[in-house]
Protein backbone atom coordinates (compact mmCIF):
# COMPACT_ATOMS: atom_id res chain seq x y z
CA ARG A 1 0.00 0.00 0.00
CA MET A 2 1.30 3.43 -0.93
CA LYS A 3 -0.07 6.51 0.72
CA LEU A 4 1.14 10.09 0.88
CA LEU A 5 -0.09 13.26 2.49
CA LEU A 6 1.18 16.56 1.16
CA ILE A 7 0.55 19.53 3.37
CA SER A 8 3.11 22.16 2.65
CA ALA A 9 7.31 24.33 2.64
CA ILE A 10 8.95 27.43 1.60
CA LEU A 11 9.41 27.62 -2.16
CA GLY A 12 12.14 30.23 -2.23
CA SER A 13 12.37 33.94 -1.66
CA SER A 14 10.17 34.86 -4.63
CA ILE A 15 7.03 33.84 -2.72
CA SER A 16 8.35 33.81 0.84
CA GLU A 17 5.79 36.47 1.81
CA ASN A 18 3.19 33.73 1.54
CA GLU A 19 2.88 30.91 4.03
CA ILE A 20 3.70 27.68 2.23
CA SER A 21 4.70 24.32 3.64
CA PHE A 22 5.20 20.83 2.25
CA SER A 23 5.28 17.47 3.97
CA CYS A 24 4.51 13.99 2.74
CA THR A 25 3.59 10.89 4.71
CA PHE A 26 4.25 7.54 3.11
CA ASP A 27 3.28 4.08 4.33
CA PRO A 28 5.67 1.62 2.67
CA ARG A 29 4.31 -1.79 1.73
CA GLU A 30 7.09 -3.38 3.72
CA THR A 31 9.89 -2.03 5.89
CA LEU A 32 13.34 -3.51 6.34
CA THR A 33 14.22 -5.34 9.50
CA GLU A 34 17.53 -4.32 11.01
CA GLY A 35 20.44 -5.78 9.09
CA ALA A 36 18.25 -7.17 6.30
CA ARG A 37 19.18 -4.92 3.40
CA THR A 38 17.64 -6.46 0.30
CA GLU A 39 17.06 -3.50 -2.02
CA MET A 40 19.40 -2.16 -4.64
CA GLY A 41 19.65 1.61 -4.53
CA ASN A 42 16.91 2.77 -6.91
CA GLY A 43 13.92 4.22 -5.03
CA ILE A 44 11.20 1.95 -6.43
CA ASP A 45 8.30 0.06 -4.85
CA THR A 46 7.85 -3.01 -7.04
CA ASN A 47 4.27 -3.71 -6.02
CA GLU A 48 2.83 -4.67 -9.41
CA VAL A 49 -0.11 -2.27 -9.08
CA PHE A 50 2.35 0.58 -9.77
CA LEU A 51 3.76 -1.11 -12.88
CA TRP A 52 1.87 -0.05 -16.02
CA LYS A 53 3.60 -2.06 -18.73
CA GLN A 54 1.43 -3.37 -21.52
CA ALA A 55 2.09 -6.65 -23.32
CA GLY A 56 4.21 -5.92 -26.37
CA GLY A 57 4.20 -2.14 -25.97
CA ASP A 58 4.96 0.94 -23.91
CA PRO A 59 3.39 1.39 -20.48
CA ILE A 60 -0.04 3.05 -20.61
CA VAL A 61 -1.78 4.54 -17.56
CA PRO A 62 -5.56 4.61 -18.10
CA PHE A 63 -6.96 7.38 -15.89
CA PHE A 64 -10.22 9.13 -15.21
CA PHE A 65 -11.27 12.17 -13.23
CA ASP A 66 -13.97 12.20 -10.60
CA ASP A 67 -16.89 14.36 -11.74
CA ASP A 68 -16.11 17.11 -9.21
CA VAL A 69 -12.66 17.93 -10.64
CA THR A 70 -12.75 21.34 -12.35
CA GLU A 71 -11.52 21.76 -15.91
CA LYS A 72 -8.71 24.09 -14.78
CA ASP A 73 -7.48 21.53 -12.25
CA ARG A 74 -7.67 18.84 -14.90
CA MET A 75 -5.44 20.98 -17.11
CA VAL A 76 -2.81 21.24 -14.34
CA ILE A 77 -2.76 17.47 -13.86
CA ARG A 78 -2.71 16.77 -17.59
CA GLY A 79 0.21 19.18 -17.92
CA GLN A 80 2.30 17.18 -15.46
CA MET A 81 1.31 13.97 -17.23
CA LYS A 82 2.54 15.52 -20.49
CA LEU A 83 5.89 16.25 -18.82
CA ILE A 84 6.18 12.58 -17.84
CA GLU A 85 5.29 11.53 -21.38
CA ASP A 86 7.96 13.85 -22.78
CA LYS A 87 10.66 12.45 -20.49
CA THR A 88 9.76 8.74 -20.50
CA CYS A 89 8.10 6.04 -22.60
CA ILE A 90 5.01 6.23 -20.33
CA LYS A 91 1.70 7.27 -21.91
CA TYR A 92 -1.52 8.42 -20.25
CA GLU A 93 -4.89 7.52 -21.71
CA GLU A 94 -7.88 9.46 -20.43
CA THR A 95 -11.08 7.51 -20.10
CA THR A 96 -14.24 7.42 -17.99
CA TYR A 97 -15.18 5.43 -14.93
CA GLN A 98 -17.53 3.33 -17.05
CA ASP A 99 -14.90 2.55 -19.69
CA ALA A 100 -11.79 2.29 -17.51
CA PRO A 101 -10.12 -1.13 -17.25
CA PRO A 102 -9.62 -2.67 -13.77
CA HIS A 103 -6.01 -1.46 -13.64
CA ARG A 104 -6.48 2.30 -13.71
CA LEU A 105 -5.68 5.58 -12.00
CA LYS A 106 -8.57 7.43 -10.39
CA ILE A 107 -8.11 11.15 -9.69
CA MET A 108 -10.16 13.01 -7.09
CA VAL A 109 -9.92 16.67 -6.05
CA ASP A 110 -11.97 18.00 -3.14
CA GLN A 111 -13.63 21.41 -3.24
CA SER A 112 -11.79 23.26 -0.46
CA THR A 113 -9.62 26.19 -1.56
CA CYS A 114 -5.94 26.16 -2.44
CA SER A 115 -5.36 29.43 -0.53
CA LEU A 116 -6.69 30.68 2.80
CA ARG A 117 -6.83 34.41 3.64
CA GLY A 118 -5.20 35.22 0.32
CA TYR A 119 -1.68 34.18 1.31
CA PHE A 120 -1.67 30.78 3.03
CA LEU A 121 -1.02 28.33 0.20
CA ARG A 122 -1.74 24.66 0.70
CA PHE A 123 -1.59 21.34 -1.09
CA ALA A 124 -2.61 18.13 0.62
CA GLY A 125 -3.29 14.75 -0.87
CA TYR A 126 -2.34 11.10 -1.10
CA VAL A 127 -1.73 8.27 -3.53
CA MET A 128 -2.63 4.73 -2.59
CA HIS A 129 -3.58 1.31 -3.86
CA SER A 130 -7.32 1.54 -3.22
CA GLY A 131 -8.18 -2.12 -3.74
CA GLY A 132 -8.28 -4.46 -6.69
CA GLU A 133 -6.07 -3.01 -9.41
CA GLU A 134 -7.06 0.64 -8.90
CA VAL A 135 -4.62 3.35 -7.82
CA LEU A 136 -6.14 6.48 -6.28
CA LEU A 137 -4.69 10.00 -6.43
CA HIS A 138 -6.68 12.27 -4.12
CA SER A 139 -6.09 15.98 -3.51
CA TYR A 140 -7.84 17.50 -0.50
CA HIS A 141 -7.77 20.99 -2.02
CA GLN A 142 -8.38 22.52 -5.42
CA LEU A 143 -5.31 23.54 -7.42
CA THR A 144 -6.45 26.68 -9.24
CA ASP A 145 -9.55 28.15 -7.55
CA LYS A 146 -7.75 31.33 -6.39
CA GLU A 147 -5.82 33.75 -8.60
CA ILE A 148 -2.72 33.52 -6.39
CA CYS A 149 -2.52 29.78 -7.05
CA GLU A 150 -2.11 30.47 -10.76
CA THR A 151 0.78 32.92 -10.42
CA GLU A 152 4.00 31.64 -11.97
CA ASN A 153 5.96 30.60 -8.89
CA VAL A 154 3.00 29.20 -6.95
CA ALA A 155 1.81 27.28 -10.02
CA LYS A 156 5.31 25.80 -10.27
CA TRP A 157 5.09 24.64 -6.65
CA ILE A 158 1.62 23.15 -7.12
CA GLY A 159 2.67 21.50 -10.38
CA GLY A 160 5.72 19.99 -8.69
CA SER A 161 3.51 18.66 -5.89
CA VAL A 162 1.20 17.03 -8.43
CA LEU A 163 4.21 15.57 -10.27
CA HIS A 164 5.52 14.15 -6.97
CA GLU A 165 2.21 12.31 -6.54
CA LEU A 166 2.11 11.08 -10.11
CA MET A 167 5.59 9.63 -9.60
CA HIS A 168 4.34 7.78 -6.52
CA ALA A 169 1.61 6.29 -8.72
CA LEU A 170 4.40 5.06 -11.01
CA GLY A 171 6.17 3.26 -8.16
CA ALA A 172 8.56 5.92 -6.84
CA ILE A 173 9.15 5.90 -3.08
CA HIS A 174 10.67 8.67 -0.97
CA THR A 175 14.41 8.87 -1.60
CA HIS A 176 15.22 9.18 2.10
CA GLN A 177 13.51 5.80 2.65
CA ARG A 178 15.75 3.95 0.20
CA ALA A 179 17.48 0.94 1.73
CA ASP A 180 20.88 2.50 1.00
CA ARG A 181 20.11 5.97 2.39
CA ASP A 182 22.42 5.55 5.40
CA ASP A 183 25.34 5.52 2.98
CA TYR A 184 24.52 9.14 2.08
CA ILE A 185 22.66 10.84 4.93
CA ILE A 186 22.33 10.65 8.70
CA VAL A 187 18.82 10.54 10.13
CA HIS A 188 18.47 12.24 13.51
CA ASN A 189 15.66 10.36 15.22
CA GLU A 190 15.70 12.73 18.18
CA CYS A 191 14.58 15.52 15.81
CA ILE A 192 11.53 13.69 14.41
CA ILE A 193 8.12 14.59 15.82
CA GLN A 194 6.85 11.74 17.97
CA GLY A 195 4.50 9.52 15.99
CA TYR A 196 6.13 10.20 12.62
CA GLU A 197 9.19 8.00 12.99
CA ASP A 198 7.77 5.60 10.38
CA GLN A 199 8.19 8.32 7.76
CA TYR A 200 11.94 7.75 8.06
CA SER A 201 11.82 3.95 8.06
CA LEU A 202 13.67 2.08 5.34
CA HIS A 203 11.57 0.71 2.50
CA GLY A 204 12.07 -2.99 2.00
CA TYR A 205 9.89 -4.06 -0.94
CA ASN A 206 12.07 -4.03 -4.04
CA THR A 207 13.14 -6.84 -6.34
CA LEU A 208 14.94 -4.84 -9.05
CA SER A 209 18.61 -5.27 -9.88
CA ILE A 210 19.07 -1.69 -11.13
CA GLU A 211 20.84 1.12 -9.36
CA ILE A 212 20.12 4.85 -9.46
CA PRO A 213 22.50 7.39 -7.86
CA TYR A 214 21.23 8.81 -4.57
CA LYS A 215 20.39 12.49 -5.01
CA CYS A 216 19.37 14.67 -2.07
CA ASN A 217 17.73 17.16 -4.46
CA SER A 218 15.42 14.55 -5.96
CA ILE A 219 11.77 15.56 -6.25
CA MET A 220 11.11 12.44 -4.13
CA HIS A 221 13.45 13.48 -1.27
CA SER A 222 11.97 15.21 1.75
CA GLU A 223 13.42 18.39 3.19
CA ASN A 224 15.24 18.11 6.52
CA SER A 225 12.46 20.11 8.17
CA THR A 226 9.80 17.52 7.36
CA PHE A 227 8.15 16.28 10.58
CA SER A 228 10.87 18.10 12.53
CA ASN A 229 10.49 19.12 16.17
CA GLY A 230 12.87 22.03 15.61
CA CYS A 231 16.19 20.54 14.56
CA PRO A 232 17.19 18.99 11.19
CA THR A 233 15.84 15.47 10.77
CA MET A 234 18.57 14.65 8.23
CA THR A 235 22.08 15.84 7.46
CA PRO A 236 24.56 14.69 4.79
CA ARG A 237 27.20 12.22 5.82
CA PRO A 238 30.58 13.95 6.24
CA ASP A 239 31.91 12.23 3.13
CA ASN A 240 28.87 13.21 0.99
CA SER A 241 29.70 16.49 -0.73
CA ASP A 242 26.79 16.12 -3.18
CA CYS A 243 24.00 17.08 -0.79
CA THR A 244 23.72 20.85 -0.53
CA GLN A 245 19.93 20.76 -1.04
CA MET A 246 17.36 18.32 0.29
CA GLY A 247 14.16 18.06 -1.70
CA SER A 248 12.95 19.94 -4.77
CA PHE A 249 9.83 20.63 -6.79
CA GLU A 250 11.68 19.77 -9.99
CA PRO A 251 12.83 16.26 -10.95
CA THR A 252 16.50 15.46 -11.41
CA SER A 253 17.81 13.52 -14.40
CA GLU A 254 18.14 10.57 -12.02
CA ASP A 255 14.41 10.76 -11.23
CA TRP A 256 13.60 10.39 -14.91
CA ASP A 257 16.20 7.64 -15.27
CA MET A 258 14.56 5.76 -12.39
CA LEU A 259 11.14 5.80 -14.06
CA ASN A 260 12.55 4.81 -17.44
CA LYS A 261 14.49 1.90 -16.05
CA TYR A 262 11.52 0.60 -14.07
CA GLN A 263 8.63 1.27 -16.44
CA CYS A 264 10.47 1.20 -19.78
CA ASN A 265 13.43 -1.16 -19.24
CA ASP A 266 15.77 1.56 -20.55
């Protein structure tokens, strides 16, 4: 089961006058027991429900929108799907609930606003295996119902949040939960808010023999303020000089490589 909850984080000085935060809870299908490292370093959950390969062809993700999703929000989501299509072999095929095959992606967006009081910007949602062969992407808030949410920098943040979720639906886990993460970062358990320790557990369900370089600035890596009680939850290992930024709203080349190697066998 894959589940994520996005609630908020500062997107840089250009919109720092607004209150923005980003966090993401993730319930891995299986966690590693101590000393039982079985995963290659690649950041993938190999639960077959997140694998969209078609017999004899490229992977196709049949998807449909719940009736309550506005056309403007649909355009935002379709735009991030187009980015995935441009960077990978993956294709999205829009359909209806009535015509969708059993293995499909359902997209729901609730009607609460993307911005409170004109400056508090929010995005909250989850992706999960909802039973059978269906994967559910559910946003608790609209994406474009306020003018501020369509400004360039905020739209980039919202688009990156949507892309993060779409990548979960394609099998991507959080980078900081990779089985090899302790080779690159140090997790400070004393800095994690009580009750959220599982969000830093190692993910143990992976049967792939591919490796992807560990990148702290992956779109799938959390910031070191995520579920923090005031001190950094993660810091780079002293010998890791390639970790000046944790988390991003833009994918790295390694993020695209990960999807291509899993979904496309590239």
